[in-house]
Amino acid sequence: MITVYGRPSSINVRKVLWLCDELGLTIARAAQNYDAPGPEPVPEVLALNPNGLIPVLTDDGHVLWESNTICRYLAGKAGRTDLLPADITARSRVEQWMDWQATELNTSWRTPFMGLIRKSPAHSDPQALAAGIAGWNRTMGLLDDQISRTGAYVTGETFTLADVVLGVSVHRWLHMPMQRPDLPGITGYYRRLLSRPAFPAHARPDVP
């Protein structure tokens, strides 16, 4: 039995839960109350992940952390080459955008999210917030350009793991209490994601 540790409002947990639904997996949920960020990691999670962060996945004694790695593992175990291609060139395109999400995109939204949603005093400076929002919007513009070129999903005409990890990030951007540009590629992309039965359950308007 696969067990996923983490609260469903966490953006990184959401991508894993959404993928599990896409794959039709029956999973056990654990540690859903590991919700509030705090100074001390939860001991049970810390015992599984030395960083003390969620999500963590356990699968018959195999322990994994880092959400994008978990997604790769689940798609690979299920043999879903539509999500994670076997062809090395096609796979590299998917993984390129997955890595971009984890580095460039996540970095761009950190200050706005911490300041506007978490109400962190360390991220409340108006100038820093404005700069963070502008940077996030610029980064989303890069994704909009890519989707406008493909006309469908991040790497082309078909849905892949890149869309799982980026889809929840698009949801966050669209539901943040801030100014954002009109990005038609992103708007159409989000509508396509919402048409997938598994996505709306993990993309709630009340949870950016």
N, C-alpha and C. Protein backbone atom coordinates (compact mmCIF):
# COMPACT_ATOMS: atom_id res chain seq x y z
N MET A 1 0.84 -1.20 0.00
CA MET A 1 0.00 0.00 0.00
C MET A 1 0.88 1.25 0.00
N ILE A 2 0.56 2.17 -0.87
CA ILE A 2 1.26 3.45 -0.92
C ILE A 2 0.63 4.39 0.10
N THR A 3 1.48 5.04 0.87
CA THR A 3 1.03 6.03 1.84
C THR A 3 1.64 7.38 1.50
N VAL A 4 0.82 8.41 1.51
CA VAL A 4 1.28 9.77 1.26
C VAL A 4 1.11 10.57 2.53
N TYR A 5 2.20 11.16 3.01
CA TYR A 5 2.19 12.02 4.19
C TYR A 5 2.11 13.47 3.73
N GLY A 6 1.17 14.20 4.30
CA GLY A 6 1.09 15.62 3.99
C GLY A 6 -0.32 16.13 3.88
N ARG A 7 -0.48 17.42 4.12
CA ARG A 7 -1.79 18.06 4.10
C ARG A 7 -2.21 18.35 2.67
N PRO A 8 -3.49 18.26 2.36
CA PRO A 8 -3.94 18.45 0.98
C PRO A 8 -3.89 19.89 0.50
N SER A 9 -3.67 20.84 1.40
CA SER A 9 -3.55 22.24 0.97
C SER A 9 -2.14 22.58 0.51
N SER A 10 -1.17 21.73 0.78
CA SER A 10 0.21 21.97 0.34
C SER A 10 0.31 21.80 -1.17
N ILE A 11 0.92 22.76 -1.85
CA ILE A 11 1.02 22.68 -3.31
C ILE A 11 1.80 21.45 -3.76
N ASN A 12 2.81 21.06 -3.00
CA ASN A 12 3.61 19.89 -3.39
C ASN A 12 2.89 18.58 -3.09
N VAL A 13 2.08 18.57 -2.06
CA VAL A 13 1.26 17.39 -1.80
C VAL A 13 0.17 17.27 -2.85
N ARG A 14 -0.40 18.41 -3.24
CA ARG A 14 -1.48 18.39 -4.22
C ARG A 14 -1.05 17.74 -5.54
N LYS A 15 0.16 18.03 -5.99
CA LYS A 15 0.59 17.45 -7.27
C LYS A 15 0.67 15.92 -7.16
N VAL A 16 1.12 15.43 -6.01
CA VAL A 16 1.22 13.98 -5.82
C VAL A 16 -0.17 13.35 -5.75
N LEU A 17 -1.08 13.98 -5.00
CA LEU A 17 -2.43 13.43 -4.88
C LEU A 17 -3.16 13.46 -6.22
N TRP A 18 -2.97 14.55 -6.96
CA TRP A 18 -3.59 14.64 -8.29
C TRP A 18 -3.07 13.51 -9.19
N LEU A 19 -1.76 13.29 -9.19
CA LEU A 19 -1.20 12.23 -10.02
C LEU A 19 -1.74 10.87 -9.59
N CYS A 20 -1.85 10.64 -8.30
CA CYS A 20 -2.41 9.36 -7.83
C CYS A 20 -3.81 9.16 -8.39
N ASP A 21 -4.61 10.23 -8.41
CA ASP A 21 -5.94 10.13 -8.99
C ASP A 21 -5.87 9.86 -10.50
N GLU A 22 -4.96 10.54 -11.19
CA GLU A 22 -4.80 10.31 -12.63
C GLU A 22 -4.44 8.85 -12.91
N LEU A 23 -3.67 8.27 -12.02
CA LEU A 23 -3.22 6.88 -12.20
C LEU A 23 -4.22 5.86 -11.67
N GLY A 24 -5.26 6.34 -10.98
CA GLY A 24 -6.25 5.43 -10.41
C GLY A 24 -5.73 4.63 -9.25
N LEU A 25 -4.78 5.19 -8.50
CA LEU A 25 -4.17 4.48 -7.38
C LEU A 25 -5.00 4.58 -6.12
N THR A 26 -5.08 3.50 -5.39
CA THR A 26 -5.64 3.52 -4.05
C THR A 26 -4.49 3.77 -3.08
N ILE A 27 -4.58 4.83 -2.32
CA ILE A 27 -3.49 5.18 -1.41
C ILE A 27 -4.03 5.37 -0.01
N ALA A 28 -3.15 5.26 0.96
CA ALA A 28 -3.46 5.61 2.33
C ALA A 28 -2.97 7.02 2.57
N ARG A 29 -3.73 7.79 3.33
CA ARG A 29 -3.32 9.13 3.68
C ARG A 29 -2.87 9.14 5.13
N ALA A 30 -1.78 9.80 5.40
CA ALA A 30 -1.26 9.89 6.76
C ALA A 30 -0.84 11.32 7.04
N ALA A 31 -0.83 11.67 8.29
CA ALA A 31 -0.26 12.94 8.72
C ALA A 31 -0.91 14.14 8.06
N GLN A 32 -2.23 14.09 7.85
CA GLN A 32 -2.90 15.22 7.23
C GLN A 32 -2.89 16.45 8.13
N ASN A 33 -2.64 16.25 9.41
CA ASN A 33 -2.61 17.41 10.31
C ASN A 33 -1.23 18.05 10.36
N TYR A 34 -0.29 17.60 9.54
CA TYR A 34 1.01 18.24 9.48
C TYR A 34 0.87 19.47 8.59
N ASP A 35 0.14 20.42 9.13
CA ASP A 35 -0.38 21.49 8.31
C ASP A 35 0.33 22.81 8.52
N ALA A 36 0.48 23.19 9.76
CA ALA A 36 0.98 24.53 10.04
C ALA A 36 2.50 24.57 9.95
N PRO A 37 3.02 25.54 9.20
CA PRO A 37 4.47 25.70 9.22
C PRO A 37 4.93 26.15 10.60
N GLY A 38 5.98 25.58 11.08
CA GLY A 38 6.45 25.93 12.40
C GLY A 38 7.94 25.76 12.50
N PRO A 39 8.51 26.13 13.64
CA PRO A 39 9.97 26.07 13.78
C PRO A 39 10.52 24.66 13.88
N GLU A 40 9.68 23.72 14.30
CA GLU A 40 10.18 22.36 14.50
C GLU A 40 9.47 21.39 13.56
N PRO A 41 10.24 20.54 12.86
CA PRO A 41 9.60 19.53 12.01
C PRO A 41 8.80 18.53 12.84
N VAL A 42 7.76 17.97 12.26
CA VAL A 42 6.99 16.93 12.93
C VAL A 42 7.85 15.68 13.03
N PRO A 43 7.99 15.10 14.21
CA PRO A 43 8.91 13.97 14.38
C PRO A 43 8.68 12.82 13.41
N GLU A 44 7.41 12.47 13.15
CA GLU A 44 7.15 11.32 12.28
C GLU A 44 7.64 11.59 10.86
N VAL A 45 7.44 12.81 10.39
CA VAL A 45 7.93 13.16 9.05
C VAL A 45 9.45 13.26 9.05
N LEU A 46 10.02 13.84 10.10
CA LEU A 46 11.47 13.96 10.20
C LEU A 46 12.14 12.59 10.19
N ALA A 47 11.47 11.60 10.75
CA ALA A 47 12.03 10.24 10.76
C ALA A 47 12.09 9.65 9.35
N LEU A 48 11.23 10.14 8.45
CA LEU A 48 11.20 9.65 7.08
C LEU A 48 11.99 10.53 6.13
N ASN A 49 11.98 11.82 6.38
CA ASN A 49 12.65 12.80 5.52
C ASN A 49 13.55 13.67 6.38
N PRO A 50 14.85 13.63 6.21
CA PRO A 50 15.75 14.40 7.07
C PRO A 50 15.52 15.90 6.98
N ASN A 51 14.83 16.36 5.93
CA ASN A 51 14.49 17.78 5.82
C ASN A 51 13.25 18.15 6.63
N GLY A 52 12.48 17.13 7.05
CA GLY A 52 11.28 17.39 7.81
C GLY A 52 10.15 17.99 7.00
N LEU A 53 10.17 17.80 5.68
CA LEU A 53 9.19 18.43 4.80
C LEU A 53 8.27 17.39 4.17
N ILE A 54 7.10 17.87 3.72
CA ILE A 54 6.13 17.05 3.01
C ILE A 54 6.12 17.47 1.54
N PRO A 55 5.68 16.55 0.67
CA PRO A 55 5.16 15.21 0.92
C PRO A 55 6.27 14.19 1.11
N VAL A 56 5.88 13.11 1.77
CA VAL A 56 6.71 11.91 1.83
C VAL A 56 5.83 10.76 1.36
N LEU A 57 6.41 9.86 0.60
CA LEU A 57 5.68 8.68 0.14
C LEU A 57 6.39 7.44 0.64
N THR A 58 5.61 6.48 1.11
CA THR A 58 6.16 5.17 1.44
C THR A 58 5.44 4.12 0.61
N ASP A 59 6.19 3.17 0.10
CA ASP A 59 5.63 2.13 -0.76
C ASP A 59 6.34 0.82 -0.44
N ASP A 60 5.70 0.04 0.42
CA ASP A 60 6.25 -1.26 0.80
C ASP A 60 7.69 -1.14 1.29
N GLY A 61 7.92 -0.19 2.18
CA GLY A 61 9.24 0.01 2.77
C GLY A 61 10.12 0.98 2.02
N HIS A 62 9.75 1.33 0.82
CA HIS A 62 10.52 2.31 0.04
C HIS A 62 10.04 3.70 0.42
N VAL A 63 10.95 4.56 0.84
CA VAL A 63 10.61 5.91 1.28
C VAL A 63 11.15 6.92 0.28
N LEU A 64 10.29 7.84 -0.14
CA LEU A 64 10.69 8.88 -1.08
C LEU A 64 10.21 10.24 -0.59
N TRP A 65 11.05 11.26 -0.81
CA TRP A 65 10.63 12.64 -0.64
C TRP A 65 11.11 13.42 -1.85
N GLU A 66 10.73 14.68 -1.92
CA GLU A 66 10.83 15.55 -3.10
C GLU A 66 9.69 15.20 -4.07
N SER A 67 8.75 16.14 -4.17
CA SER A 67 7.49 15.87 -4.86
C SER A 67 7.67 15.49 -6.32
N ASN A 68 8.58 16.14 -7.04
CA ASN A 68 8.74 15.80 -8.45
C ASN A 68 9.36 14.41 -8.63
N THR A 69 10.25 14.03 -7.72
CA THR A 69 10.80 12.67 -7.75
C THR A 69 9.71 11.65 -7.47
N ILE A 70 8.84 11.96 -6.52
CA ILE A 70 7.71 11.07 -6.23
C ILE A 70 6.85 10.89 -7.47
N CYS A 71 6.59 11.99 -8.18
CA CYS A 71 5.77 11.91 -9.39
C CYS A 71 6.44 11.04 -10.45
N ARG A 72 7.74 11.21 -10.63
CA ARG A 72 8.45 10.37 -11.60
C ARG A 72 8.35 8.88 -11.21
N TYR A 73 8.52 8.62 -9.94
CA TYR A 73 8.46 7.24 -9.45
C TYR A 73 7.09 6.62 -9.72
N LEU A 74 6.04 7.35 -9.39
CA LEU A 74 4.70 6.80 -9.55
C LEU A 74 4.37 6.55 -11.01
N ALA A 75 4.72 7.51 -11.88
CA ALA A 75 4.45 7.32 -13.31
C ALA A 75 5.28 6.16 -13.87
N GLY A 76 6.54 6.07 -13.44
CA GLY A 76 7.39 4.97 -13.90
C GLY A 76 6.90 3.63 -13.42
N LYS A 77 6.49 3.56 -12.16
CA LYS A 77 6.00 2.29 -11.62
C LYS A 77 4.74 1.83 -12.34
N ALA A 78 3.90 2.80 -12.73
CA ALA A 78 2.66 2.47 -13.43
C ALA A 78 2.88 2.20 -14.92
N GLY A 79 4.12 2.41 -15.39
CA GLY A 79 4.40 2.20 -16.80
C GLY A 79 3.73 3.21 -17.71
N ARG A 80 3.50 4.42 -17.18
CA ARG A 80 2.78 5.44 -17.95
C ARG A 80 3.74 6.26 -18.78
N THR A 81 4.12 5.70 -19.92
CA THR A 81 5.04 6.41 -20.79
C THR A 81 4.37 7.58 -21.51
N ASP A 82 3.05 7.68 -21.42
CA ASP A 82 2.39 8.88 -21.92
C ASP A 82 2.69 10.07 -21.02
N LEU A 83 2.86 9.81 -19.74
CA LEU A 83 3.17 10.87 -18.78
C LEU A 83 4.67 11.13 -18.66
N LEU A 84 5.45 10.08 -18.71
CA LEU A 84 6.90 10.18 -18.62
C LEU A 84 7.49 9.31 -19.73
N PRO A 85 7.75 9.91 -20.90
CA PRO A 85 8.10 9.12 -22.09
C PRO A 85 9.34 8.25 -21.91
N ALA A 86 9.32 7.13 -22.61
CA ALA A 86 10.51 6.27 -22.65
C ALA A 86 11.56 6.84 -23.58
N ASP A 87 11.13 7.47 -24.67
CA ASP A 87 12.07 8.10 -25.59
C ASP A 87 12.85 9.19 -24.88
N ILE A 88 14.17 9.15 -24.96
CA ILE A 88 15.01 10.03 -24.15
C ILE A 88 14.82 11.50 -24.52
N THR A 89 14.59 11.79 -25.80
CA THR A 89 14.40 13.18 -26.20
C THR A 89 13.08 13.72 -25.66
N ALA A 90 12.01 12.96 -25.84
CA ALA A 90 10.71 13.40 -25.33
C ALA A 90 10.72 13.51 -23.81
N ARG A 91 11.38 12.55 -23.17
CA ARG A 91 11.44 12.58 -21.71
C ARG A 91 12.22 13.80 -21.22
N SER A 92 13.29 14.14 -21.92
CA SER A 92 14.09 15.29 -21.48
C SER A 92 13.29 16.59 -21.53
N ARG A 93 12.37 16.70 -22.49
CA ARG A 93 11.53 17.90 -22.56
C ARG A 93 10.60 17.97 -21.36
N VAL A 94 10.02 16.83 -21.00
CA VAL A 94 9.14 16.79 -19.82
C VAL A 94 9.92 17.14 -18.56
N GLU A 95 11.08 16.52 -18.38
CA GLU A 95 11.85 16.74 -17.16
C GLU A 95 12.44 18.14 -17.11
N GLN A 96 12.75 18.71 -18.27
CA GLN A 96 13.23 20.09 -18.30
C GLN A 96 12.23 21.03 -17.67
N TRP A 97 10.96 20.89 -18.03
CA TRP A 97 9.93 21.79 -17.48
C TRP A 97 9.60 21.43 -16.03
N MET A 98 9.73 20.17 -15.65
CA MET A 98 9.55 19.81 -14.25
C MET A 98 10.64 20.46 -13.41
N ASP A 99 11.88 20.42 -13.88
CA ASP A 99 12.97 21.05 -13.14
C ASP A 99 12.82 22.57 -13.11
N TRP A 100 12.34 23.14 -14.20
CA TRP A 100 12.10 24.59 -14.24
C TRP A 100 11.06 24.99 -13.20
N GLN A 101 10.04 24.16 -13.05
CA GLN A 101 9.03 24.44 -12.02
C GLN A 101 9.66 24.45 -10.63
N ALA A 102 10.54 23.50 -10.37
CA ALA A 102 11.12 23.36 -9.03
C ALA A 102 12.16 24.42 -8.72
N THR A 103 12.72 25.04 -9.75
CA THR A 103 13.80 26.01 -9.52
C THR A 103 13.33 27.43 -9.84
N GLU A 104 13.16 27.73 -11.11
CA GLU A 104 12.84 29.09 -11.52
C GLU A 104 11.46 29.54 -11.05
N LEU A 105 10.44 28.72 -11.31
CA LEU A 105 9.08 29.15 -10.99
C LEU A 105 8.84 29.21 -9.49
N ASN A 106 9.23 28.17 -8.76
CA ASN A 106 9.04 28.19 -7.31
C ASN A 106 9.76 29.36 -6.66
N THR A 107 10.97 29.65 -7.12
CA THR A 107 11.73 30.76 -6.56
C THR A 107 11.01 32.08 -6.79
N SER A 108 10.36 32.23 -7.95
CA SER A 108 9.74 33.50 -8.29
C SER A 108 8.53 33.82 -7.43
N TRP A 109 7.81 32.81 -6.94
CA TRP A 109 6.60 33.12 -6.17
C TRP A 109 6.80 33.08 -4.66
N ARG A 110 7.99 32.81 -4.20
CA ARG A 110 8.18 32.62 -2.76
C ARG A 110 7.83 33.87 -1.95
N THR A 111 8.34 35.03 -2.33
CA THR A 111 8.08 36.24 -1.54
C THR A 111 6.60 36.63 -1.57
N PRO A 112 5.95 36.68 -2.75
CA PRO A 112 4.52 37.01 -2.74
C PRO A 112 3.68 36.03 -1.93
N PHE A 113 3.96 34.75 -2.05
CA PHE A 113 3.15 33.78 -1.32
C PHE A 113 3.35 33.92 0.19
N MET A 114 4.60 34.04 0.59
CA MET A 114 4.86 34.16 2.02
C MET A 114 4.28 35.46 2.59
N GLY A 115 4.35 36.54 1.81
CA GLY A 115 3.84 37.81 2.30
C GLY A 115 2.34 37.92 2.26
N LEU A 116 1.70 37.48 1.17
CA LEU A 116 0.26 37.69 0.98
C LEU A 116 -0.59 36.59 1.58
N ILE A 117 -0.12 35.37 1.60
CA ILE A 117 -0.91 34.25 2.11
C ILE A 117 -0.48 33.85 3.52
N ARG A 118 0.80 33.67 3.71
CA ARG A 118 1.28 33.26 5.04
C ARG A 118 1.41 34.44 6.00
N LYS A 119 1.34 35.66 5.46
CA LYS A 119 1.44 36.88 6.29
C LYS A 119 2.74 36.91 7.09
N SER A 120 3.81 36.49 6.46
CA SER A 120 5.12 36.45 7.11
C SER A 120 5.68 37.86 7.27
N PRO A 121 5.99 38.27 8.49
CA PRO A 121 6.58 39.60 8.68
C PRO A 121 7.88 39.79 7.90
N ALA A 122 8.62 38.72 7.71
CA ALA A 122 9.89 38.82 6.98
C ALA A 122 9.70 39.06 5.49
N HIS A 123 8.45 38.92 5.01
CA HIS A 123 8.17 39.09 3.58
C HIS A 123 7.10 40.16 3.36
N SER A 124 7.02 41.12 4.26
CA SER A 124 5.95 42.11 4.20
C SER A 124 6.38 43.47 3.65
N ASP A 125 7.65 43.64 3.35
CA ASP A 125 8.11 44.92 2.82
C ASP A 125 7.41 45.21 1.49
N PRO A 126 6.74 46.36 1.34
CA PRO A 126 5.98 46.64 0.12
C PRO A 126 6.82 46.60 -1.16
N GLN A 127 8.04 47.13 -1.09
CA GLN A 127 8.88 47.13 -2.28
C GLN A 127 9.31 45.71 -2.66
N ALA A 128 9.63 44.92 -1.65
CA ALA A 128 10.01 43.53 -1.92
C ALA A 128 8.83 42.73 -2.48
N LEU A 129 7.63 43.00 -1.94
CA LEU A 129 6.44 42.32 -2.45
C LEU A 129 6.17 42.69 -3.90
N ALA A 130 6.26 43.99 -4.19
CA ALA A 130 6.02 44.45 -5.56
C ALA A 130 7.02 43.83 -6.52
N ALA A 131 8.28 43.78 -6.11
CA ALA A 131 9.31 43.18 -6.96
C ALA A 131 9.06 41.68 -7.15
N GLY A 132 8.62 41.03 -6.07
CA GLY A 132 8.33 39.60 -6.15
C GLY A 132 7.17 39.31 -7.08
N ILE A 133 6.13 40.11 -7.00
CA ILE A 133 4.96 39.93 -7.87
C ILE A 133 5.36 40.15 -9.33
N ALA A 134 6.14 41.19 -9.58
CA ALA A 134 6.58 41.47 -10.95
C ALA A 134 7.44 40.34 -11.49
N GLY A 135 8.31 39.81 -10.66
CA GLY A 135 9.15 38.69 -11.09
C GLY A 135 8.36 37.44 -11.37
N TRP A 136 7.37 37.17 -10.52
CA TRP A 136 6.51 36.00 -10.72
C TRP A 136 5.73 36.14 -12.02
N ASN A 137 5.18 37.32 -12.26
CA ASN A 137 4.43 37.55 -13.49
C ASN A 137 5.32 37.38 -14.73
N ARG A 138 6.56 37.84 -14.64
CA ARG A 138 7.48 37.67 -15.77
C ARG A 138 7.74 36.18 -16.03
N THR A 139 7.93 35.43 -14.96
CA THR A 139 8.21 34.00 -15.11
C THR A 139 7.00 33.28 -15.69
N MET A 140 5.81 33.64 -15.25
CA MET A 140 4.61 33.05 -15.83
C MET A 140 4.47 33.41 -17.30
N GLY A 141 4.98 34.56 -17.68
CA GLY A 141 4.97 34.94 -19.09
C GLY A 141 5.77 33.97 -19.94
N LEU A 142 6.85 33.44 -19.40
CA LEU A 142 7.64 32.44 -20.12
C LEU A 142 6.82 31.17 -20.36
N LEU A 143 6.08 30.77 -19.33
CA LEU A 143 5.23 29.58 -19.48
C LEU A 143 4.11 29.85 -20.48
N ASP A 144 3.55 31.06 -20.43
CA ASP A 144 2.50 31.44 -21.38
C ASP A 144 3.02 31.37 -22.82
N ASP A 145 4.24 31.84 -23.04
CA ASP A 145 4.83 31.77 -24.37
C ASP A 145 4.95 30.32 -24.84
N GLN A 146 5.38 29.44 -23.93
CA GLN A 146 5.56 28.03 -24.29
C GLN A 146 4.22 27.39 -24.65
N ILE A 147 3.21 27.62 -23.83
CA ILE A 147 1.90 27.01 -24.08
C ILE A 147 1.26 27.59 -25.34
N SER A 148 1.49 28.86 -25.59
CA SER A 148 0.97 29.47 -26.81
C SER A 148 1.61 28.83 -28.04
N ARG A 149 2.87 28.41 -27.91
CA ARG A 149 3.53 27.73 -29.03
C ARG A 149 2.99 26.32 -29.24
N THR A 150 2.79 25.59 -28.15
CA THR A 150 2.31 24.21 -28.29
C THR A 150 0.82 24.17 -28.60
N GLY A 151 0.07 25.14 -28.10
CA GLY A 151 -1.37 25.20 -28.34
C GLY A 151 -2.18 24.26 -27.48
N ALA A 152 -1.53 23.54 -26.56
CA ALA A 152 -2.26 22.57 -25.75
C ALA A 152 -1.65 22.44 -24.36
N TYR A 153 -0.62 21.60 -24.26
CA TYR A 153 0.01 21.34 -22.97
C TYR A 153 1.46 21.82 -22.99
N VAL A 154 2.16 21.65 -21.89
CA VAL A 154 3.46 22.30 -21.75
C VAL A 154 4.46 21.82 -22.79
N THR A 155 4.50 20.52 -23.05
CA THR A 155 5.50 20.01 -23.99
C THR A 155 4.93 19.65 -25.36
N GLY A 156 3.64 19.84 -25.56
CA GLY A 156 3.06 19.51 -26.85
C GLY A 156 1.58 19.25 -26.78
N GLU A 157 1.10 18.35 -27.60
CA GLU A 157 -0.33 18.09 -27.71
C GLU A 157 -0.88 17.19 -26.61
N THR A 158 0.00 16.50 -25.90
CA THR A 158 -0.47 15.53 -24.92
C THR A 158 -0.10 15.94 -23.49
N PHE A 159 -0.91 15.51 -22.56
CA PHE A 159 -0.74 15.76 -21.12
C PHE A 159 0.38 14.89 -20.58
N THR A 160 1.31 15.49 -19.81
CA THR A 160 2.45 14.76 -19.24
C THR A 160 2.65 15.15 -17.78
N LEU A 161 3.69 14.58 -17.18
CA LEU A 161 4.04 14.95 -15.81
C LEU A 161 4.38 16.43 -15.68
N ALA A 162 4.89 17.04 -16.74
CA ALA A 162 5.17 18.47 -16.68
C ALA A 162 3.91 19.26 -16.37
N ASP A 163 2.78 18.79 -16.88
CA ASP A 163 1.51 19.48 -16.62
C ASP A 163 1.02 19.25 -15.20
N VAL A 164 1.33 18.11 -14.63
CA VAL A 164 0.95 17.86 -13.24
C VAL A 164 1.67 18.85 -12.32
N VAL A 165 2.97 18.99 -12.48
CA VAL A 165 3.71 19.84 -11.54
C VAL A 165 3.50 21.31 -11.83
N LEU A 166 3.27 21.66 -13.09
CA LEU A 166 3.03 23.07 -13.43
C LEU A 166 1.58 23.47 -13.27
N GLY A 167 0.67 22.52 -13.41
CA GLY A 167 -0.75 22.85 -13.28
C GLY A 167 -1.11 23.40 -11.92
N VAL A 168 -0.57 22.82 -10.85
CA VAL A 168 -0.88 23.33 -9.52
C VAL A 168 -0.24 24.71 -9.31
N SER A 169 0.89 24.96 -9.97
CA SER A 169 1.53 26.27 -9.87
C SER A 169 0.72 27.33 -10.62
N VAL A 170 0.16 26.96 -11.76
CA VAL A 170 -0.72 27.88 -12.49
C VAL A 170 -1.94 28.21 -11.64
N HIS A 171 -2.51 27.20 -11.00
CA HIS A 171 -3.65 27.42 -10.11
C HIS A 171 -3.29 28.44 -9.02
N ARG A 172 -2.12 28.29 -8.43
CA ARG A 172 -1.70 29.23 -7.37
C ARG A 172 -1.63 30.65 -7.91
N TRP A 173 -1.01 30.82 -9.05
CA TRP A 173 -0.85 32.16 -9.63
C TRP A 173 -2.21 32.81 -9.91
N LEU A 174 -3.15 32.03 -10.44
CA LEU A 174 -4.46 32.57 -10.81
C LEU A 174 -5.31 32.93 -9.60
N HIS A 175 -5.02 32.37 -8.45
CA HIS A 175 -5.86 32.59 -7.28
C HIS A 175 -5.18 33.40 -6.18
N MET A 176 -4.08 34.03 -6.50
CA MET A 176 -3.42 34.90 -5.54
C MET A 176 -4.07 36.28 -5.54
N PRO A 177 -4.19 36.91 -4.36
CA PRO A 177 -4.76 38.26 -4.26
C PRO A 177 -3.75 39.32 -4.69
N MET A 178 -3.52 39.42 -5.99
CA MET A 178 -2.52 40.34 -6.52
C MET A 178 -2.85 40.68 -7.97
N GLN A 179 -2.20 41.70 -8.49
CA GLN A 179 -2.37 42.06 -9.88
C GLN A 179 -1.57 41.10 -10.76
N ARG A 180 -2.18 40.71 -11.89
CA ARG A 180 -1.49 39.83 -12.83
C ARG A 180 -1.90 40.21 -14.24
N PRO A 181 -1.01 40.00 -15.20
CA PRO A 181 -1.36 40.31 -16.58
C PRO A 181 -2.32 39.28 -17.17
N ASP A 182 -2.98 39.65 -18.24
CA ASP A 182 -3.81 38.72 -18.98
C ASP A 182 -2.91 37.87 -19.86
N LEU A 183 -2.85 36.59 -19.57
CA LEU A 183 -2.01 35.66 -20.33
C LEU A 183 -2.94 34.62 -20.97
N PRO A 184 -3.34 34.84 -22.22
CA PRO A 184 -4.33 33.96 -22.85
C PRO A 184 -3.91 32.50 -22.92
N GLY A 185 -2.62 32.26 -23.13
CA GLY A 185 -2.15 30.87 -23.17
C GLY A 185 -2.40 30.17 -21.85
N ILE A 186 -2.10 30.84 -20.76
CA ILE A 186 -2.32 30.28 -19.42
C ILE A 186 -3.81 30.07 -19.16
N THR A 187 -4.64 31.04 -19.55
CA THR A 187 -6.07 30.93 -19.32
C THR A 187 -6.65 29.71 -20.01
N GLY A 188 -6.31 29.52 -21.28
CA GLY A 188 -6.80 28.35 -22.00
C GLY A 188 -6.27 27.05 -21.44
N TYR A 189 -5.01 27.08 -21.04
CA TYR A 189 -4.37 25.90 -20.45
C TYR A 189 -5.10 25.48 -19.17
N TYR A 190 -5.42 26.46 -18.32
CA TYR A 190 -6.09 26.15 -17.06
C TYR A 190 -7.47 25.55 -17.33
N ARG A 191 -8.17 26.05 -18.33
CA ARG A 191 -9.47 25.47 -18.68
C ARG A 191 -9.31 24.02 -19.12
N ARG A 192 -8.27 23.73 -19.88
CA ARG A 192 -8.04 22.34 -20.31
C ARG A 192 -7.75 21.44 -19.11
N LEU A 193 -6.98 21.95 -18.17
CA LEU A 193 -6.70 21.15 -16.97
C LEU A 193 -7.96 20.88 -16.17
N LEU A 194 -8.81 21.88 -16.03
CA LEU A 194 -10.05 21.71 -15.27
C LEU A 194 -11.00 20.70 -15.91
N SER A 195 -10.83 20.45 -17.21
CA SER A 195 -11.69 19.48 -17.88
C SER A 195 -11.28 18.05 -17.56
N ARG A 196 -10.11 17.88 -16.94
CA ARG A 196 -9.68 16.55 -16.53
C ARG A 196 -10.36 16.20 -15.20
N PRO A 197 -11.02 15.06 -15.08
CA PRO A 197 -11.78 14.78 -13.87
C PRO A 197 -10.98 14.84 -12.58
N ALA A 198 -9.70 14.50 -12.62
CA ALA A 198 -8.92 14.42 -11.38
C ALA A 198 -8.43 15.77 -10.89
N PHE A 199 -8.37 16.78 -11.76
CA PHE A 199 -7.75 18.04 -11.37
C PHE A 199 -8.58 18.90 -10.42
N PRO A 200 -9.88 19.13 -10.67
CA PRO A 200 -10.62 20.08 -9.83
C PRO A 200 -10.61 19.75 -8.34
N ALA A 201 -10.53 18.48 -8.00
CA ALA A 201 -10.51 18.12 -6.58
C ALA A 201 -9.27 18.63 -5.87
N HIS A 202 -8.20 18.87 -6.62
CA HIS A 202 -6.94 19.31 -6.03
C HIS A 202 -6.60 20.74 -6.41
N ALA A 203 -7.53 21.43 -7.06
CA ALA A 203 -7.35 22.83 -7.45
C ALA A 203 -8.56 23.62 -6.96
N ARG A 204 -8.64 23.78 -5.65
CA ARG A 204 -9.79 24.46 -5.06
C ARG A 204 -9.56 25.96 -5.07
N PRO A 205 -10.59 26.74 -5.44
CA PRO A 205 -10.42 28.19 -5.48
C PRO A 205 -10.03 28.82 -4.14
N ASP A 206 -10.37 28.16 -3.03
CA ASP A 206 -10.06 28.73 -1.71
C ASP A 206 -8.65 28.42 -1.26
N VAL A 207 -7.90 27.64 -2.03
CA VAL A 207 -6.54 27.26 -1.63
C VAL A 207 -5.59 27.59 -2.79
N PRO A 208 -4.86 28.73 -2.68
CA PRO A 208 -3.93 29.06 -3.77
C PRO A 208 -2.68 28.17 -3.74
